[in-house]
Amino acid sequence: MDDIIEKIQLYRLPEGYLPKWNLIISIIAFFNTIQTYISLKLTQRVYSGAYDQVNPLGTRLFGTWTLVSVIIRFYGAYHMSNSV
């Protein structure tokens, strides 16, 4: 039981609002990434003025870029004191 408690405490967020905010935003962005790989419809609604400029390649590129930012935000939420 002590091992489980120690492992849970290793994954606790640092104090403050910024780590929590980064975690929430990374979760939301992760779902946005999934959406970009599933359908073009929502992406076309975001860029409503230029339907012809939204294509599968651009959508996947946007999704991959968002996934990279998800990883960085998620890492930053748990390692706020790490200067690297």
N, C-alpha and C. Protein backbone atom coordinates (compact mmCIF):
# COMPACT_ATOMS: atom_id res chain seq x y z
N MET A 1 0.82 -1.20 0.00
CA MET A 1 0.00 0.00 0.00
C MET A 1 0.87 1.26 0.00
N ASP A 2 1.97 1.22 0.73
CA ASP A 2 2.86 2.38 0.77
C ASP A 2 3.48 2.64 -0.60
N ASP A 3 3.77 1.56 -1.35
CA ASP A 3 4.32 1.73 -2.69
C ASP A 3 3.34 2.46 -3.60
N ILE A 4 2.08 2.12 -3.50
CA ILE A 4 1.06 2.76 -4.33
C ILE A 4 0.95 4.23 -4.00
N ILE A 5 0.96 4.56 -2.72
CA ILE A 5 0.86 5.96 -2.29
C ILE A 5 2.09 6.74 -2.76
N GLU A 6 3.27 6.14 -2.66
CA GLU A 6 4.48 6.82 -3.12
C GLU A 6 4.45 7.07 -4.62
N LYS A 7 3.97 6.10 -5.39
CA LYS A 7 3.90 6.28 -6.84
C LYS A 7 2.88 7.36 -7.21
N ILE A 8 1.77 7.41 -6.51
CA ILE A 8 0.77 8.45 -6.78
C ILE A 8 1.35 9.83 -6.46
N GLN A 9 2.10 9.93 -5.39
CA GLN A 9 2.67 11.22 -5.01
C GLN A 9 3.74 11.69 -5.99
N LEU A 10 4.36 10.75 -6.70
CA LEU A 10 5.33 11.14 -7.72
C LEU A 10 4.67 11.88 -8.88
N TYR A 11 3.41 11.58 -9.14
CA TYR A 11 2.71 12.17 -10.27
C TYR A 11 1.79 13.32 -9.87
N ARG A 12 1.97 13.86 -8.70
CA ARG A 12 1.17 15.02 -8.29
C ARG A 12 1.68 16.26 -9.00
N LEU A 13 0.76 17.14 -9.31
CA LEU A 13 1.12 18.39 -9.96
C LEU A 13 1.81 19.32 -8.96
N PRO A 14 2.74 20.14 -9.43
CA PRO A 14 3.32 21.16 -8.55
C PRO A 14 2.25 22.15 -8.09
N GLU A 15 2.56 22.90 -7.06
CA GLU A 15 1.63 23.89 -6.52
C GLU A 15 1.42 25.02 -7.52
N GLY A 16 0.26 25.62 -7.46
CA GLY A 16 -0.04 26.78 -8.29
C GLY A 16 -1.05 26.47 -9.38
N TYR A 17 -1.47 27.54 -10.04
CA TYR A 17 -2.48 27.42 -11.09
C TYR A 17 -1.89 27.07 -12.45
N LEU A 18 -0.67 27.48 -12.71
CA LEU A 18 -0.08 27.26 -14.04
C LEU A 18 0.05 25.78 -14.40
N PRO A 19 0.53 24.91 -13.51
CA PRO A 19 0.57 23.49 -13.87
C PRO A 19 -0.81 22.90 -14.15
N LYS A 20 -1.78 23.30 -13.36
CA LYS A 20 -3.15 22.80 -13.59
C LYS A 20 -3.69 23.31 -14.92
N TRP A 21 -3.42 24.57 -15.23
CA TRP A 21 -3.88 25.15 -16.48
C TRP A 21 -3.23 24.43 -17.67
N ASN A 22 -1.93 24.19 -17.58
CA ASN A 22 -1.24 23.48 -18.66
C ASN A 22 -1.81 22.08 -18.85
N LEU A 23 -2.14 21.40 -17.77
CA LEU A 23 -2.70 20.06 -17.87
C LEU A 23 -4.08 20.10 -18.53
N ILE A 24 -4.92 21.03 -18.13
CA ILE A 24 -6.26 21.14 -18.72
C ILE A 24 -6.18 21.46 -20.21
N ILE A 25 -5.34 22.41 -20.56
CA ILE A 25 -5.21 22.80 -21.96
C ILE A 25 -4.61 21.66 -22.79
N SER A 26 -3.68 20.91 -22.23
CA SER A 26 -3.11 19.79 -22.98
C SER A 26 -4.15 18.70 -23.23
N ILE A 27 -5.04 18.47 -22.28
CA ILE A 27 -6.10 17.47 -22.47
C ILE A 27 -7.07 17.93 -23.56
N ILE A 28 -7.46 19.19 -23.52
CA ILE A 28 -8.36 19.73 -24.54
C ILE A 28 -7.70 19.67 -25.92
N ALA A 29 -6.43 20.04 -25.99
CA ALA A 29 -5.72 20.03 -27.27
C ALA A 29 -5.55 18.60 -27.78
N PHE A 30 -5.43 17.63 -26.89
CA PHE A 30 -5.33 16.24 -27.32
C PHE A 30 -6.60 15.81 -28.05
N PHE A 31 -7.75 16.18 -27.51
CA PHE A 31 -9.01 15.85 -28.18
C PHE A 31 -9.14 16.60 -29.51
N ASN A 32 -8.60 17.80 -29.58
CA ASN A 32 -8.58 18.52 -30.85
C ASN A 32 -7.70 17.80 -31.86
N THR A 33 -6.58 17.25 -31.41
CA THR A 33 -5.70 16.49 -32.29
C THR A 33 -6.42 15.27 -32.85
N ILE A 34 -7.12 14.55 -31.99
CA ILE A 34 -7.88 13.38 -32.45
C ILE A 34 -8.90 13.79 -33.49
N GLN A 35 -9.57 14.89 -33.25
CA GLN A 35 -10.60 15.37 -34.17
C GLN A 35 -10.01 15.69 -35.54
N THR A 36 -8.81 16.24 -35.60
CA THR A 36 -8.23 16.59 -36.89
C THR A 36 -7.91 15.36 -37.72
N TYR A 37 -7.66 14.24 -37.08
CA TYR A 37 -7.39 13.01 -37.83
C TYR A 37 -8.66 12.27 -38.22
N ILE A 38 -9.78 12.60 -37.62
CA ILE A 38 -11.03 11.90 -37.90
C ILE A 38 -11.82 12.57 -39.03
N SER A 39 -11.97 13.89 -38.98
CA SER A 39 -12.87 14.55 -39.92
C SER A 39 -12.36 15.96 -40.25
N LEU A 40 -12.73 16.42 -41.44
CA LEU A 40 -12.39 17.79 -41.85
C LEU A 40 -13.47 18.80 -41.48
N LYS A 41 -14.62 18.33 -41.06
CA LYS A 41 -15.77 19.22 -40.89
C LYS A 41 -15.54 20.32 -39.86
N LEU A 42 -15.02 19.97 -38.68
CA LEU A 42 -14.82 20.99 -37.66
C LEU A 42 -13.71 21.95 -38.06
N THR A 43 -12.67 21.44 -38.68
CA THR A 43 -11.59 22.31 -39.13
C THR A 43 -12.09 23.29 -40.18
N GLN A 44 -12.97 22.83 -41.05
CA GLN A 44 -13.56 23.74 -42.04
C GLN A 44 -14.43 24.80 -41.37
N ARG A 45 -15.07 24.45 -40.27
CA ARG A 45 -15.87 25.44 -39.55
C ARG A 45 -14.99 26.47 -38.86
N VAL A 46 -13.82 26.04 -38.37
CA VAL A 46 -12.90 26.98 -37.73
C VAL A 46 -12.41 28.00 -38.76
N TYR A 47 -12.05 27.51 -39.94
CA TYR A 47 -11.59 28.37 -41.02
C TYR A 47 -12.73 28.57 -42.01
N SER A 48 -13.83 29.13 -41.53
CA SER A 48 -15.06 29.20 -42.31
C SER A 48 -14.95 30.06 -43.56
N GLY A 49 -14.03 30.98 -43.59
CA GLY A 49 -13.93 31.85 -44.76
C GLY A 49 -13.22 31.22 -45.93
N ALA A 50 -12.49 30.14 -45.70
CA ALA A 50 -11.67 29.55 -46.77
C ALA A 50 -11.85 28.04 -46.82
N TYR A 51 -13.03 27.59 -47.24
CA TYR A 51 -13.28 26.15 -47.32
C TYR A 51 -12.32 25.46 -48.29
N ASP A 52 -12.00 26.13 -49.38
CA ASP A 52 -11.16 25.51 -50.39
C ASP A 52 -9.71 25.36 -49.93
N GLN A 53 -9.30 26.08 -48.91
CA GLN A 53 -7.93 25.98 -48.43
C GLN A 53 -7.74 24.92 -47.36
N VAL A 54 -8.82 24.33 -46.88
CA VAL A 54 -8.74 23.27 -45.88
C VAL A 54 -8.73 21.95 -46.62
N ASN A 55 -7.59 21.26 -46.56
CA ASN A 55 -7.48 19.96 -47.20
C ASN A 55 -6.95 18.94 -46.19
N PRO A 56 -6.99 17.66 -46.51
CA PRO A 56 -6.54 16.64 -45.55
C PRO A 56 -5.09 16.82 -45.10
N LEU A 57 -4.20 17.22 -46.02
CA LEU A 57 -2.80 17.39 -45.64
C LEU A 57 -2.65 18.51 -44.62
N GLY A 58 -3.29 19.64 -44.86
CA GLY A 58 -3.21 20.76 -43.92
C GLY A 58 -3.80 20.42 -42.57
N THR A 59 -4.89 19.66 -42.60
CA THR A 59 -5.54 19.27 -41.35
C THR A 59 -4.64 18.34 -40.54
N ARG A 60 -4.01 17.38 -41.22
CA ARG A 60 -3.11 16.45 -40.52
C ARG A 60 -1.88 17.17 -39.98
N LEU A 61 -1.38 18.14 -40.76
CA LEU A 61 -0.25 18.93 -40.31
C LEU A 61 -0.61 19.72 -39.05
N PHE A 62 -1.78 20.34 -39.05
CA PHE A 62 -2.27 21.06 -37.88
C PHE A 62 -2.43 20.12 -36.69
N GLY A 63 -2.95 18.91 -36.94
CA GLY A 63 -3.11 17.92 -35.87
C GLY A 63 -1.79 17.48 -35.29
N THR A 64 -0.80 17.27 -36.15
CA THR A 64 0.52 16.86 -35.67
C THR A 64 1.18 17.97 -34.87
N TRP A 65 1.06 19.20 -35.35
CA TRP A 65 1.60 20.35 -34.62
C TRP A 65 0.94 20.47 -33.25
N THR A 66 -0.36 20.27 -33.20
CA THR A 66 -1.09 20.34 -31.94
C THR A 66 -0.66 19.22 -31.02
N LEU A 67 -0.41 18.03 -31.56
CA LEU A 67 0.05 16.91 -30.74
C LEU A 67 1.41 17.20 -30.12
N VAL A 68 2.30 17.81 -30.87
CA VAL A 68 3.61 18.18 -30.32
C VAL A 68 3.43 19.18 -29.17
N SER A 69 2.54 20.15 -29.35
CA SER A 69 2.31 21.12 -28.27
C SER A 69 1.64 20.45 -27.07
N VAL A 70 0.81 19.43 -27.30
CA VAL A 70 0.21 18.67 -26.19
C VAL A 70 1.30 18.02 -25.36
N ILE A 71 2.25 17.38 -26.01
CA ILE A 71 3.33 16.70 -25.30
C ILE A 71 4.15 17.69 -24.49
N ILE A 72 4.47 18.83 -25.07
CA ILE A 72 5.26 19.84 -24.37
C ILE A 72 4.49 20.42 -23.18
N ARG A 73 3.21 20.71 -23.37
CA ARG A 73 2.40 21.25 -22.26
C ARG A 73 2.25 20.23 -21.14
N PHE A 74 2.00 18.98 -21.51
CA PHE A 74 1.81 17.93 -20.50
C PHE A 74 3.10 17.73 -19.71
N TYR A 75 4.23 17.70 -20.39
CA TYR A 75 5.52 17.57 -19.71
C TYR A 75 5.76 18.78 -18.80
N GLY A 76 5.47 19.97 -19.32
CA GLY A 76 5.67 21.18 -18.54
C GLY A 76 4.78 21.26 -17.31
N ALA A 77 3.59 20.68 -17.39
CA ALA A 77 2.68 20.71 -16.24
C ALA A 77 3.26 19.94 -15.06
N TYR A 78 3.94 18.85 -15.33
CA TYR A 78 4.48 18.02 -14.25
C TYR A 78 5.92 18.37 -13.89
N HIS A 79 6.63 19.08 -14.75
CA HIS A 79 8.03 19.41 -14.50
C HIS A 79 8.24 20.92 -14.54
N MET A 80 7.42 21.64 -13.82
CA MET A 80 7.45 23.10 -13.85
C MET A 80 8.77 23.66 -13.31
N SER A 81 9.39 22.98 -12.38
CA SER A 81 10.62 23.51 -11.78
C SER A 81 11.87 23.12 -12.56
N ASN A 82 11.75 22.27 -13.57
CA ASN A 82 12.89 21.85 -14.38
C ASN A 82 13.22 22.95 -15.38
N SER A 83 14.44 23.44 -15.37
CA SER A 83 14.81 24.56 -16.23
C SER A 83 15.16 24.13 -17.65
N VAL A 84 15.22 22.85 -17.92
CA VAL A 84 15.58 22.37 -19.26
C VAL A 84 14.39 22.38 -20.16
